Every structure is written in C-alpha cells, then in structure tokens.
Amino acid sequence: MFFNVGQHEALITERLNAEPAIFKGCSLSELTLMTIGSVVSWLPICLLVAALLGSVTMGFGIGGIMVVLSVIVASSIFRRLKANRPHGYYQLALHLWLARRGLIKSPFVTRTGVWDLGRT
C-alpha cells in the first residue's frame, strides 16, 4: 500500500476553511494571544518578586514556568468555551462586546426597536 496523493486531496493545507487546531483545540493565533498575554502579565510580576528576594535570574525561570502553565490552563478553559460553537464565534462576540462599550464601531445593526421607512 502506497500513499496516493490524488485520493487524499482533503489533506492539502491550502484547502482548509479554518485554522487547524494544534494544541488542545486552539489554533496558532489563539495560542499566540494566550502566550503574549501570559508573558505580559507573569514576567513583570515574577521579576519583581525575584528582585525583592535578591535573585532576578530566578524570576525569568519562574516566569517561564508560569507562562507555560497559564497557556495550558487557558487553552483547556478555552476549549470548553468553544465547544459546539461555529468557527469565528468568539472573534465576533469580542467585536460586538467592544462595540457595545463604545471602543470600536460595529459594522452590524445592534439596536432593537421598530423599523420605519420614514415615509407617511
């Protein structure tokens, strides 16, 4: 049995409709955001605590461990949140959440009420 590429065209990556899940159901862009958020939050805290204790170098090691643990926990939580939701649901939900708070302008109609043609 040889692998015949012509029979398995679904494996070609340029034909994917969405980013593939690479770790615990999260795509690369989601993992990148989780990692950046973890580094921005944990590294200064760990460096400050380690500096107060007299060993700044240990702050980098402990910060790295905390970043890895945070990404593992966050991806597990995000996997449960994403269950049974369509692709792109949380990007749209975040966009609408920011629009409701006036931080960005929404391209969607978000108000409810009676619609009128404006004619009498």
PDB file of N, CA and C in Angstrom:
ATOM      1  N   MET A   1       0.835  -1.183   0.000  1.00  0.00           N
ATOM      2  CA  MET A   1       0.000   0.000   0.000  1.00  0.00           C
ATOM      3  C   MET A   1       0.882   1.249   0.000  1.00  0.00           C
ATOM      4  N   PHE A   2       0.732   2.024  -1.022  1.00  0.00           N
ATOM      5  CA  PHE A   2       1.454   3.281  -1.103  1.00  0.00           C
ATOM      6  C   PHE A   2       0.466   4.416  -0.914  1.00  0.00           C
ATOM      7  N   PHE A   3       0.959   5.506  -0.379  1.00  0.00           N
ATOM      8  CA  PHE A   3       0.114   6.682  -0.166  1.00  0.00           C
ATOM      9  C   PHE A   3      -0.063   7.409  -1.490  1.00  0.00           C
ATOM     10  N   ASN A   4      -1.279   7.493  -1.950  1.00  0.00           N
ATOM     11  CA  ASN A   4      -1.586   8.149  -3.214  1.00  0.00           C
ATOM     12  C   ASN A   4      -2.141   9.538  -2.929  1.00  0.00           C
ATOM     13  N   VAL A   5      -1.417  10.574  -3.307  1.00  0.00           N
ATOM     14  CA  VAL A   5      -1.805  11.944  -3.011  1.00  0.00           C
ATOM     15  C   VAL A   5      -3.114  12.315  -3.702  1.00  0.00           C
ATOM     16  N   GLY A   6      -3.368  11.789  -4.883  1.00  0.00           N
ATOM     17  CA  GLY A   6      -4.573  12.136  -5.626  1.00  0.00           C
ATOM     18  C   GLY A   6      -5.853  11.718  -4.928  1.00  0.00           C
ATOM     19  N   GLN A   7      -5.819  10.664  -4.150  1.00  0.00           N
ATOM     20  CA  GLN A   7      -7.010  10.201  -3.453  1.00  0.00           C
ATOM     21  C   GLN A   7      -7.269  10.966  -2.164  1.00  0.00           C
ATOM     22  N   HIS A   8      -6.278  11.626  -1.648  1.00  0.00           N
ATOM     23  CA  HIS A   8      -6.405  12.299  -0.360  1.00  0.00           C
ATOM     24  C   HIS A   8      -6.208  13.796  -0.511  1.00  0.00           C
ATOM     25  N   GLU A   9      -6.972  14.413  -1.362  1.00  0.00           N
ATOM     26  CA  GLU A   9      -6.815  15.843  -1.588  1.00  0.00           C
ATOM     27  C   GLU A   9      -7.265  16.673  -0.395  1.00  0.00           C
ATOM     28  N   ALA A  10      -8.059  16.113   0.498  1.00  0.00           N
ATOM     29  CA  ALA A  10      -8.519  16.857   1.669  1.00  0.00           C
ATOM     30  C   ALA A  10      -7.363  17.182   2.616  1.00  0.00           C
ATOM     31  N   LEU A  11      -6.226  16.524   2.462  1.00  0.00           N
ATOM     32  CA  LEU A  11      -5.089  16.770   3.333  1.00  0.00           C
ATOM     33  C   LEU A  11      -4.250  17.968   2.900  1.00  0.00           C
ATOM     34  N   ILE A  12      -4.544  18.548   1.759  1.00  0.00           N
ATOM     35  CA  ILE A  12      -3.785  19.698   1.283  1.00  0.00           C
ATOM     36  C   ILE A  12      -4.158  20.906   2.129  1.00  0.00           C
ATOM     37  N   THR A  13      -3.165  21.563   2.712  1.00  0.00           N
ATOM     38  CA  THR A  13      -3.436  22.629   3.669  1.00  0.00           C
ATOM     39  C   THR A  13      -4.025  23.875   3.034  1.00  0.00           C
ATOM     40  N   GLU A  14      -3.820  24.107   1.760  1.00  0.00           N
ATOM     41  CA  GLU A  14      -4.382  25.307   1.147  1.00  0.00           C
ATOM     42  C   GLU A  14      -5.890  25.200   0.940  1.00  0.00           C
ATOM     43  N   ARG A  15      -6.462  24.036   1.182  1.00  0.00           N
ATOM     44  CA  ARG A  15      -7.897  23.851   1.026  1.00  0.00           C
ATOM     45  C   ARG A  15      -8.642  23.907   2.352  1.00  0.00           C
ATOM     46  N   LEU A  16      -7.974  24.230   3.435  1.00  0.00           N
ATOM     47  CA  LEU A  16      -8.631  24.316   4.729  1.00  0.00           C
ATOM     48  C   LEU A  16      -9.490  25.576   4.798  1.00  0.00           C
ATOM     49  N   ASN A  17     -10.632  25.471   5.429  1.00  0.00           N
ATOM     50  CA  ASN A  17     -11.523  26.616   5.594  1.00  0.00           C
ATOM     51  C   ASN A  17     -11.218  27.404   6.859  1.00  0.00           C
ATOM     52  N   ALA A  18     -10.528  26.809   7.795  1.00  0.00           N
ATOM     53  CA  ALA A  18     -10.228  27.460   9.065  1.00  0.00           C
ATOM     54  C   ALA A  18      -8.838  27.033   9.508  1.00  0.00           C
ATOM     55  N   GLU A  19      -8.316  27.772  10.477  1.00  0.00           N
ATOM     56  CA  GLU A  19      -7.017  27.401  11.032  1.00  0.00           C
ATOM     57  C   GLU A  19      -7.131  26.057  11.739  1.00  0.00           C
ATOM     58  N   PRO A  20      -6.186  25.159  11.549  1.00  0.00           N
ATOM     59  CA  PRO A  20      -6.274  23.874  12.241  1.00  0.00           C
ATOM     60  C   PRO A  20      -5.926  24.015  13.722  1.00  0.00           C
ATOM     61  N   ALA A  21      -6.539  23.173  14.521  1.00  0.00           N
ATOM     62  CA  ALA A  21      -6.232  23.154  15.946  1.00  0.00           C
ATOM     63  C   ALA A  21      -4.889  22.440  16.132  1.00  0.00           C
ATOM     64  N   ILE A  22      -3.985  23.083  16.874  1.00  0.00           N
ATOM     65  CA  ILE A  22      -2.666  22.477  17.042  1.00  0.00           C
ATOM     66  C   ILE A  22      -2.372  22.067  18.477  1.00  0.00           C
ATOM     67  N   PHE A  23      -3.086  22.647  19.451  1.00  0.00           N
ATOM     68  CA  PHE A  23      -2.860  22.281  20.849  1.00  0.00           C
ATOM     69  C   PHE A  23      -4.153  22.461  21.623  1.00  0.00           C
ATOM     70  N   LYS A  24      -4.682  21.375  22.137  1.00  0.00           N
ATOM     71  CA  LYS A  24      -5.911  21.382  22.943  1.00  0.00           C
ATOM     72  C   LYS A  24      -7.055  22.122  22.267  1.00  0.00           C
ATOM     73  N   GLY A  25      -7.209  21.955  20.993  1.00  0.00           N
ATOM     74  CA  GLY A  25      -8.318  22.557  20.268  1.00  0.00           C
ATOM     75  C   GLY A  25      -8.133  24.020  19.917  1.00  0.00           C
ATOM     76  N   CYS A  26      -6.964  24.594  20.186  1.00  0.00           N
ATOM     77  CA  CYS A  26      -6.712  26.004  19.903  1.00  0.00           C
ATOM     78  C   CYS A  26      -5.834  26.139  18.663  1.00  0.00           C
ATOM     79  N   SER A  27      -6.096  27.169  17.885  1.00  0.00           N
ATOM     80  CA  SER A  27      -5.297  27.422  16.695  1.00  0.00           C
ATOM     81  C   SER A  27      -4.029  28.188  17.068  1.00  0.00           C
ATOM     82  N   LEU A  28      -3.164  28.379  16.100  1.00  0.00           N
ATOM     83  CA  LEU A  28      -1.906  29.081  16.351  1.00  0.00           C
ATOM     84  C   LEU A  28      -2.141  30.521  16.782  1.00  0.00           C
ATOM     85  N   SER A  29      -3.093  31.202  16.160  1.00  0.00           N
ATOM     86  CA  SER A  29      -3.335  32.600  16.533  1.00  0.00           C
ATOM     87  C   SER A  29      -3.892  32.700  17.954  1.00  0.00           C
ATOM     88  N   GLU A  30      -4.746  31.771  18.358  1.00  0.00           N
ATOM     89  CA  GLU A  30      -5.265  31.784  19.730  1.00  0.00           C
ATOM     90  C   GLU A  30      -4.159  31.488  20.732  1.00  0.00           C
ATOM     91  N   LEU A  31      -3.309  30.528  20.415  1.00  0.00           N
ATOM     92  CA  LEU A  31      -2.189  30.225  21.309  1.00  0.00           C
ATOM     93  C   LEU A  31      -1.196  31.377  21.393  1.00  0.00           C
ATOM     94  N   THR A  32      -1.005  32.079  20.282  1.00  0.00           N
ATOM     95  CA  THR A  32      -0.107  33.235  20.287  1.00  0.00           C
ATOM     96  C   THR A  32      -0.643  34.322  21.212  1.00  0.00           C
ATOM     97  N   LEU A  33      -1.931  34.598  21.131  1.00  0.00           N
ATOM     98  CA  LEU A  33      -2.520  35.612  22.015  1.00  0.00           C
ATOM     99  C   LEU A  33      -2.446  35.187  23.481  1.00  0.00           C
ATOM    100  N   MET A  34      -2.690  33.913  23.747  1.00  0.00           N
ATOM    101  CA  MET A  34      -2.577  33.423  25.122  1.00  0.00           C
ATOM    102  C   MET A  34      -1.142  33.565  25.636  1.00  0.00           C
ATOM    103  N   THR A  35      -0.173  33.247  24.797  1.00  0.00           N
ATOM    104  CA  THR A  35       1.229  33.327  25.203  1.00  0.00           C
ATOM    105  C   THR A  35       1.654  34.762  25.444  1.00  0.00           C
ATOM    106  N   ILE A  36       1.280  35.657  24.544  1.00  0.00           N
ATOM    107  CA  ILE A  36       1.637  37.076  24.718  1.00  0.00           C
ATOM    108  C   ILE A  36       1.005  37.627  25.987  1.00  0.00           C
ATOM    109  N   GLY A  37      -0.266  37.303  26.208  1.00  0.00           N
ATOM    110  CA  GLY A  37      -0.938  37.765  27.425  1.00  0.00           C
ATOM    111  C   GLY A  37      -0.290  37.219  28.684  1.00  0.00           C
ATOM    112  N   SER A  38       0.115  35.963  28.645  1.00  0.00           N
ATOM    113  CA  SER A  38       0.766  35.367  29.807  1.00  0.00           C
ATOM    114  C   SER A  38       2.131  35.990  30.075  1.00  0.00           C
ATOM    115  N   VAL A  39       2.904  36.214  29.019  1.00  0.00           N
ATOM    116  CA  VAL A  39       4.231  36.819  29.183  1.00  0.00           C
ATOM    117  C   VAL A  39       4.101  38.239  29.728  1.00  0.00           C
ATOM    118  N   VAL A  40       3.173  39.002  29.181  1.00  0.00           N
ATOM    119  CA  VAL A  40       2.994  40.395  29.618  1.00  0.00           C
ATOM    120  C   VAL A  40       2.537  40.463  31.071  1.00  0.00           C
ATOM    121  N   SER A  41       1.756  39.490  31.510  1.00  0.00           N
ATOM    122  CA  SER A  41       1.268  39.541  32.885  1.00  0.00           C
ATOM    123  C   SER A  41       2.211  38.873  33.893  1.00  0.00           C
ATOM    124  N   TRP A  42       2.786  37.714  33.549  1.00  0.00           N
ATOM    125  CA  TRP A  42       3.585  36.976  34.516  1.00  0.00           C
ATOM    126  C   TRP A  42       5.032  37.441  34.635  1.00  0.00           C
ATOM    127  N   LEU A  43       5.666  37.802  33.550  1.00  0.00           N
ATOM    128  CA  LEU A  43       7.089  38.118  33.611  1.00  0.00           C
ATOM    129  C   LEU A  43       7.402  39.316  34.520  1.00  0.00           C
ATOM    130  N   PRO A  44       6.676  40.446  34.416  1.00  0.00           N
ATOM    131  CA  PRO A  44       6.979  41.539  35.343  1.00  0.00           C
ATOM    132  C   PRO A  44       6.729  41.175  36.807  1.00  0.00           C
ATOM    133  N   ILE A  45       5.677  40.418  37.063  1.00  0.00           N
ATOM    134  CA  ILE A  45       5.370  40.029  38.446  1.00  0.00           C
ATOM    135  C   ILE A  45       6.479  39.143  39.002  1.00  0.00           C
ATOM    136  N   CYS A  46       6.883  38.139  38.233  1.00  0.00           N
ATOM    137  CA  CYS A  46       7.928  37.229  38.698  1.00  0.00           C
ATOM    138  C   CYS A  46       9.273  37.933  38.850  1.00  0.00           C
ATOM    139  N   LEU A  47       9.584  38.837  37.927  1.00  0.00           N
ATOM    140  CA  LEU A  47      10.844  39.582  38.046  1.00  0.00           C
ATOM    141  C   LEU A  47      10.841  40.487  39.270  1.00  0.00           C
ATOM    142  N   LEU A  48       9.715  41.114  39.546  1.00  0.00           N
ATOM    143  CA  LEU A  48       9.623  41.991  40.720  1.00  0.00           C
ATOM    144  C   LEU A  48       9.769  41.199  42.013  1.00  0.00           C
ATOM    145  N   VAL A  49       9.067  40.088  42.115  1.00  0.00           N
ATOM    146  CA  VAL A  49       9.162  39.259  43.323  1.00  0.00           C
ATOM    147  C   VAL A  49      10.571  38.699  43.477  1.00  0.00           C
ATOM    148  N   ALA A  50      11.165  38.242  42.386  1.00  0.00           N
ATOM    149  CA  ALA A  50      12.525  37.698  42.464  1.00  0.00           C
ATOM    150  C   ALA A  50      13.531  38.787  42.805  1.00  0.00           C
ATOM    151  N   ALA A  51      13.330  39.995  42.308  1.00  0.00           N
ATOM    152  CA  ALA A  51      14.240  41.096  42.639  1.00  0.00           C
ATOM    153  C   ALA A  51      14.144  41.449  44.124  1.00  0.00           C
ATOM    154  N   LEU A  52      12.932  41.418  44.653  1.00  0.00           N
ATOM    155  CA  LEU A  52      12.764  41.692  46.080  1.00  0.00           C
ATOM    156  C   LEU A  52      13.412  40.613  46.947  1.00  0.00           C
ATOM    157  N   LEU A  53      13.456  39.389  46.435  1.00  0.00           N
ATOM    158  CA  LEU A  53      14.082  38.290  47.171  1.00  0.00           C
ATOM    159  C   LEU A  53      15.578  38.178  46.895  1.00  0.00           C
ATOM    160  N   GLY A  54      16.105  38.964  45.942  1.00  0.00           N
ATOM    161  CA  GLY A  54      17.536  39.024  45.709  1.00  0.00           C
ATOM    162  C   GLY A  54      18.066  38.162  44.575  1.00  0.00           C
ATOM    163  N   SER A  55      17.216  37.600  43.757  1.00  0.00           N
ATOM    164  CA  SER A  55      17.692  36.764  42.655  1.00  0.00           C
ATOM    165  C   SER A  55      16.836  37.008  41.414  1.00  0.00           C
ATOM    166  N   VAL A  56      17.233  38.019  40.642  1.00  0.00           N
ATOM    167  CA  VAL A  56      16.465  38.410  39.467  1.00  0.00           C
ATOM    168  C   VAL A  56      16.448  37.297  38.426  1.00  0.00           C
ATOM    169  N   THR A  57      17.537  36.547  38.325  1.00  0.00           N
ATOM    170  CA  THR A  57      17.627  35.484  37.332  1.00  0.00           C
ATOM    171  C   THR A  57      16.563  34.409  37.556  1.00  0.00           C
ATOM    172  N   MET A  58      16.262  34.116  38.796  1.00  0.00           N
ATOM    173  CA  MET A  58      15.226  33.129  39.099  1.00  0.00           C
ATOM    174  C   MET A  58      13.852  33.610  38.630  1.00  0.00           C
ATOM    175  N   GLY A  59      13.676  34.915  38.541  1.00  0.00           N
ATOM    176  CA  GLY A  59      12.410  35.463  38.065  1.00  0.00           C
ATOM    177  C   GLY A  59      12.102  35.045  36.639  1.00  0.00           C
ATOM    178  N   PHE A  60      13.137  34.958  35.799  1.00  0.00           N
ATOM    179  CA  PHE A  60      12.933  34.514  34.419  1.00  0.00           C
ATOM    180  C   PHE A  60      12.511  33.047  34.364  1.00  0.00           C
ATOM    181  N   GLY A  61      13.137  32.226  35.182  1.00  0.00           N
ATOM    182  CA  GLY A  61      12.787  30.803  35.206  1.00  0.00           C
ATOM    183  C   GLY A  61      11.385  30.567  35.724  1.00  0.00           C
ATOM    184  N   ILE A  62      11.063  31.209  36.832  1.00  0.00           N
ATOM    185  CA  ILE A  62       9.722  31.056  37.398  1.00  0.00           C
ATOM    186  C   ILE A  62       8.686  31.669  36.466  1.00  0.00           C
ATOM    187  N   GLY A  63       9.024  32.799  35.842  1.00  0.00           N
ATOM    188  CA  GLY A  63       8.112  33.416  34.878  1.00  0.00           C
ATOM    189  C   GLY A  63       7.845  32.516  33.690  1.00  0.00           C
ATOM    190  N   GLY A  64       8.887  31.842  33.198  1.00  0.00           N
ATOM    191  CA  GLY A  64       8.710  30.907  32.084  1.00  0.00           C
ATOM    192  C   GLY A  64       7.809  29.742  32.446  1.00  0.00           C
ATOM    193  N   ILE A  65       7.996  29.218  33.646  1.00  0.00           N
ATOM    194  CA  ILE A  65       7.140  28.124  34.113  1.00  0.00           C
ATOM    195  C   ILE A  65       5.699  28.588  34.229  1.00  0.00           C
ATOM    196  N   MET A  66       5.488  29.781  34.759  1.00  0.00           N
ATOM    197  CA  MET A  66       4.129  30.307  34.914  1.00  0.00           C
ATOM    198  C   MET A  66       3.474  30.567  33.562  1.00  0.00           C
ATOM    199  N   VAL A  67       4.250  31.009  32.585  1.00  0.00           N
ATOM    200  CA  VAL A  67       3.700  31.241  31.239  1.00  0.00           C
ATOM    201  C   VAL A  67       3.226  29.918  30.637  1.00  0.00           C
ATOM    202  N   VAL A  68       4.039  28.885  30.739  1.00  0.00           N
ATOM    203  CA  VAL A  68       3.655  27.581  30.186  1.00  0.00           C
ATOM    204  C   VAL A  68       2.406  27.047  30.890  1.00  0.00           C
ATOM    205  N   LEU A  69       2.375  27.118  32.209  1.00  0.00           N
ATOM    206  CA  LEU A  69       1.199  26.648  32.946  1.00  0.00           C
ATOM    207  C   LEU A  69      -0.043  27.460  32.602  1.00  0.00           C
ATOM    208  N   SER A  70       0.119  28.764  32.441  1.00  0.00           N
ATOM    209  CA  SER A  70      -1.022  29.614  32.092  1.00  0.00           C
ATOM    210  C   SER A  70      -1.585  29.273  30.724  1.00  0.00           C
ATOM    211  N   VAL A  71      -0.716  29.010  29.762  1.00  0.00           N
ATOM    212  CA  VAL A  71      -1.182  28.656  28.415  1.00  0.00           C
ATOM    213  C   VAL A  71      -1.898  27.306  28.444  1.00  0.00           C
ATOM    214  N   ILE A  72      -1.390  26.355  29.209  1.00  0.00           N
ATOM    215  CA  ILE A  72      -2.046  25.049  29.311  1.00  0.00           C
ATOM    216  C   ILE A  72      -3.429  25.190  29.933  1.00  0.00           C
ATOM    217  N   VAL A  73      -3.531  25.934  31.033  1.00  0.00           N
ATOM    218  CA  VAL A  73      -4.821  26.110  31.704  1.00  0.00           C
ATOM    219  C   VAL A  73      -5.776  26.924  30.830  1.00  0.00           C
ATOM    220  N   ALA A  74      -5.295  28.009  30.234  1.00  0.00           N
ATOM    221  CA  ALA A  74      -6.161  28.855  29.401  1.00  0.00           C
ATOM    222  C   ALA A  74      -6.661  28.108  28.174  1.00  0.00           C
ATOM    223  N   SER A  75      -5.813  27.284  27.567  1.00  0.00           N
ATOM    224  CA  SER A  75      -6.266  26.533  26.393  1.00  0.00           C
ATOM    225  C   SER A  75      -7.295  25.473  26.785  1.00  0.00           C
ATOM    226  N   SER A  76      -7.168  24.886  27.959  1.00  0.00           N
ATOM    227  CA  SER A  76      -8.172  23.931  28.431  1.00  0.00           C
ATOM    228  C   SER A  76      -9.514  24.614  28.667  1.00  0.00           C
ATOM    229  N   ILE A  77      -9.470  25.782  29.274  1.00  0.00           N
ATOM    230  CA  ILE A  77     -10.702  26.536  29.527  1.00  0.00           C
ATOM    231  C   ILE A  77     -11.317  26.996  28.209  1.00  0.00           C
ATOM    232  N   PHE A  78     -10.482  27.492  27.301  1.00  0.00           N
ATOM    233  CA  PHE A  78     -10.988  27.987  26.018  1.00  0.00           C
ATOM    234  C   PHE A  78     -11.565  26.860  25.177  1.00  0.00           C
ATOM    235  N   ARG A  79     -10.999  25.665  25.291  1.00  0.00           N
ATOM    236  CA  ARG A  79     -11.538  24.516  24.559  1.00  0.00           C
ATOM    237  C   ARG A  79     -12.955  24.208  25.024  1.00  0.00           C
ATOM    238  N   ARG A  80     -13.204  24.283  26.333  1.00  0.00           N
ATOM    239  CA  ARG A  80     -14.551  24.053  26.847  1.00  0.00           C
ATOM    240  C   ARG A  80     -15.506  25.150  26.405  1.00  0.00           C
ATOM    241  N   LEU A  81     -15.031  26.385  26.359  1.00  0.00           N
ATOM    242  CA  LEU A  81     -15.880  27.503  25.926  1.00  0.00           C
ATOM    243  C   LEU A  81     -16.227  27.418  24.444  1.00  0.00           C
ATOM    244  N   LYS A  82     -15.295  26.909  23.637  1.00  0.00           N
ATOM    245  CA  LYS A  82     -15.510  26.832  22.191  1.00  0.00           C
ATOM    246  C   LYS A  82     -16.392  25.667  21.770  1.00  0.00           C
ATOM    247  N   ALA A  83     -16.700  24.762  22.670  1.00  0.00           N
ATOM    248  CA  ALA A  83     -17.447  23.557  22.310  1.00  0.00           C
ATOM    249  C   ALA A  83     -18.806  23.925  21.716  1.00  0.00           C
ATOM    250  N   ASN A  84     -19.145  23.307  20.591  1.00  0.00           N
ATOM    251  CA  ASN A  84     -20.431  23.477  19.903  1.00  0.00           C
ATOM    252  C   ASN A  84     -20.691  24.902  19.433  1.00  0.00           C
ATOM    253  N   ARG A  85     -19.655  25.639  19.152  1.00  0.00           N
ATOM    254  CA  ARG A  85     -19.791  26.987  18.597  1.00  0.00           C
ATOM    255  C   ARG A  85     -19.212  26.982  17.182  1.00  0.00           C
ATOM    256  N   PRO A  86     -19.765  27.792  16.300  1.00  0.00           N
ATOM    257  CA  PRO A  86     -19.212  27.833  14.942  1.00  0.00           C
ATOM    258  C   PRO A  86     -17.858  28.526  14.907  1.00  0.00           C
ATOM    259  N   HIS A  87     -17.131  28.300  13.806  1.00  0.00           N
ATOM    260  CA  HIS A  87     -15.808  28.912  13.649  1.00  0.00           C
ATOM    261  C   HIS A  87     -15.944  30.433  13.621  1.00  0.00           C
ATOM    262  N   GLY A  88     -15.098  31.135  14.352  1.00  0.00           N
ATOM    263  CA  GLY A  88     -15.116  32.591  14.380  1.00  0.00           C
ATOM    264  C   GLY A  88     -16.120  33.188  15.341  1.00  0.00           C
ATOM    265  N   TYR A  89     -16.799  32.381  16.134  1.00  0.00           N
ATOM    266  CA  TYR A  89     -17.838  32.871  17.041  1.00  0.00           C
ATOM    267  C   TYR A  89     -17.265  33.838  18.069  1.00  0.00           C
ATOM    268  N   TYR A  90     -16.141  33.482  18.663  1.00  0.00           N
ATOM    269  CA  TYR A  90     -15.604  34.330  19.731  1.00  0.00           C
ATOM    270  C   TYR A  90     -14.956  35.605  19.207  1.00  0.00           C
ATOM    271  N   GLN A  91     -14.440  35.601  17.977  1.00  0.00           N
ATOM    272  CA  GLN A  91     -13.942  36.842  17.395  1.00  0.00           C
ATOM    273  C   GLN A  91     -15.111  37.813  17.198  1.00  0.00           C
ATOM    274  N   LEU A  92     -16.246  37.296  16.705  1.00  0.00           N
ATOM    275  CA  LEU A  92     -17.427  38.126  16.509  1.00  0.00           C
ATOM    276  C   LEU A  92     -17.990  38.597  17.853  1.00  0.00           C
ATOM    277  N   ALA A  93     -18.027  37.710  18.838  1.00  0.00           N
ATOM    278  CA  ALA A  93     -18.531  38.081  20.157  1.00  0.00           C
ATOM    279  C   ALA A  93     -17.657  39.167  20.790  1.00  0.00           C
ATOM    280  N   LEU A  94     -16.339  39.057  20.647  1.00  0.00           N
ATOM    281  CA  LEU A  94     -15.437  40.081  21.172  1.00  0.00           C
ATOM    282  C   LEU A  94     -15.633  41.404  20.450  1.00  0.00           C
ATOM    283  N   HIS A  95     -15.808  41.345  19.137  1.00  0.00           N
ATOM    284  CA  HIS A  95     -16.032  42.562  18.349  1.00  0.00           C
ATOM    285  C   HIS A  95     -17.316  43.270  18.802  1.00  0.00           C
ATOM    286  N   LEU A  96     -18.386  42.525  18.993  1.00  0.00           N
ATOM    287  CA  LEU A  96     -19.651  43.118  19.440  1.00  0.00           C
ATOM    288  C   LEU A  96     -19.556  43.625  20.876  1.00  0.00           C
ATOM    289  N   TRP A  97     -18.799  42.931  21.729  1.00  0.00           N
ATOM    290  CA  TRP A  97     -18.614  43.378  23.111  1.00  0.00           C
ATOM    291  C   TRP A  97     -17.887  44.723  23.149  1.00  0.00           C
ATOM    292  N   LEU A  98     -16.841  44.872  22.329  1.00  0.00           N
ATOM    293  CA  LEU A  98     -16.113  46.145  22.255  1.00  0.00           C
ATOM    294  C   LEU A  98     -16.994  47.251  21.682  1.00  0.00           C
ATOM    295  N   ALA A  99     -17.842  46.902  20.714  1.00  0.00           N
ATOM    296  CA  ALA A  99     -18.735  47.899  20.111  1.00  0.00           C
ATOM    297  C   ALA A  99     -19.780  48.369  21.111  1.00  0.00           C
ATOM    298  N   ARG A 100     -20.302  47.475  21.936  1.00  0.00           N
ATOM    299  CA  ARG A 100     -21.290  47.866  22.947  1.00  0.00           C
ATOM    300  C   ARG A 100     -20.701  48.828  23.966  1.00  0.00           C
ATOM    301  N   ARG A 101     -19.419  48.740  24.204  1.00  0.00           N
ATOM    302  CA  ARG A 101     -18.770  49.635  25.164  1.00  0.00           C
ATOM    303  C   ARG A 101     -18.227  50.900  24.508  1.00  0.00           C
ATOM    304  N   GLY A 102     -18.453  51.043  23.211  1.00  0.00           N
ATOM    305  CA  GLY A 102     -18.056  52.247  22.500  1.00  0.00           C
ATOM    306  C   GLY A 102     -16.582  52.318  22.153  1.00  0.00           C
ATOM    307  N   LEU A 103     -15.855  51.223  22.255  1.00  0.00           N
ATOM    308  CA  LEU A 103     -14.427  51.243  21.960  1.00  0.00           C
ATOM    309  C   LEU A 103     -14.140  51.161  20.464  1.00  0.00           C
ATOM    310  N   ILE A 104     -15.015  50.491  19.723  1.00  0.00           N
ATOM    311  CA  ILE A 104     -14.900  50.417  18.275  1.00  0.00           C
ATOM    312  C   ILE A 104     -16.285  50.579  17.674  1.00  0.00           C
ATOM    313  N   LYS A 105     -16.333  50.826  16.377  1.00  0.00           N
ATOM    314  CA  LYS A 105     -17.607  50.959  15.690  1.00  0.00           C
ATOM    315  C   LYS A 105     -17.972  49.612  15.069  1.00  0.00           C
ATOM    316  N   SER A 106     -19.219  49.209  15.264  1.00  0.00           N
ATOM    317  CA  SER A 106     -19.655  47.916  14.760  1.00  0.00           C
ATOM    318  C   SER A 106     -20.242  48.066  13.360  1.00  0.00           C
ATOM    319  N   PRO A 107     -19.881  47.167  12.439  1.00  0.00           N
ATOM    320  CA  PRO A 107     -20.482  47.208  11.108  1.00  0.00           C
ATOM    321  C   PRO A 107     -21.856  46.535  11.079  1.00  0.00           C
ATOM    322  N   PHE A 108     -22.308  46.026  12.224  1.00  0.00           N
ATOM    323  CA  PHE A 108     -23.573  45.320  12.298  1.00  0.00           C
ATOM    324  C   PHE A 108     -24.641  46.202  12.927  1.00  0.00           C
ATOM    325  N   VAL A 109     -25.896  45.933  12.610  1.00  0.00           N
ATOM    326  CA  VAL A 109     -27.014  46.622  13.251  1.00  0.00           C
ATOM    327  C   VAL A 109     -27.216  45.970  14.611  1.00  0.00           C
ATOM    328  N   THR A 110     -27.044  46.755  15.672  1.00  0.00           N
ATOM    329  CA  THR A 110     -27.112  46.188  17.011  1.00  0.00           C
ATOM    330  C   THR A 110     -28.246  46.763  17.838  1.00  0.00           C
ATOM    331  N   ARG A 111     -29.014  47.670  17.287  1.00  0.00           N
ATOM    332  CA  ARG A 111     -30.104  48.244  18.082  1.00  0.00           C
ATOM    333  C   ARG A 111     -31.400  47.500  17.799  1.00  0.00           C
ATOM    334  N   THR A 112     -32.259  47.489  18.784  1.00  0.00           N
ATOM    335  CA  THR A 112     -33.561  46.871  18.612  1.00  0.00           C
ATOM    336  C   THR A 112     -34.618  47.955  18.637  1.00  0.00           C
ATOM    337  N   GLY A 113     -35.748  47.670  18.066  1.00  0.00           N
ATOM    338  CA  GLY A 113     -36.840  48.642  18.058  1.00  0.00           C
ATOM    339  C   GLY A 113     -37.676  48.493  16.807  1.00  0.00           C
ATOM    340  N   VAL A 114     -38.581  49.442  16.622  1.00  0.00           N
ATOM    341  CA  VAL A 114     -39.476  49.416  15.467  1.00  0.00           C
ATOM    342  C   VAL A 114     -38.764  50.096  14.301  1.00  0.00           C
ATOM    343  N   TRP A 115     -38.786  49.429  13.161  1.00  0.00           N
ATOM    344  CA  TRP A 115     -38.183  49.982  11.966  1.00  0.00           C
ATOM    345  C   TRP A 115     -39.255  50.685  11.150  1.00  0.00           C
ATOM    346  N   ASP A 116     -38.875  51.819  10.579  1.00  0.00           N
ATOM    347  CA  ASP A 116     -39.827  52.615   9.802  1.00  0.00           C
ATOM    348  C   ASP A 116     -39.139  53.031   8.512  1.00  0.00           C
ATOM    349  N   LEU A 117     -39.910  53.129   7.443  1.00  0.00           N
ATOM    350  CA  LEU A 117     -39.363  53.564   6.167  1.00  0.00           C
ATOM    351  C   LEU A 117     -39.110  55.067   6.124  1.00  0.00           C
ATOM    352  N   GLY A 118     -39.724  55.801   7.006  1.00  0.00           N
ATOM    353  CA  GLY A 118     -39.552  57.242   7.027  1.00  0.00           C
ATOM    354  C   GLY A 118     -40.532  57.963   6.141  1.00  0.00           C
ATOM    355  N   ARG A 119     -41.484  57.248   5.578  1.00  0.00           N
ATOM    356  CA  ARG A 119     -42.498  57.864   4.724  1.00  0.00           C
ATOM    357  C   ARG A 119     -43.835  57.879   5.437  1.00  0.00           C
ATOM    358  N   THR A 120     -44.675  58.767   5.021  1.00  0.00           N
ATOM    359  CA  THR A 120     -46.021  58.814   5.603  1.00  0.00           C
ATOM    360  C   THR A 120     -47.068  58.429   4.594  1.00  0.00           C
TER     361      THR A 120
END
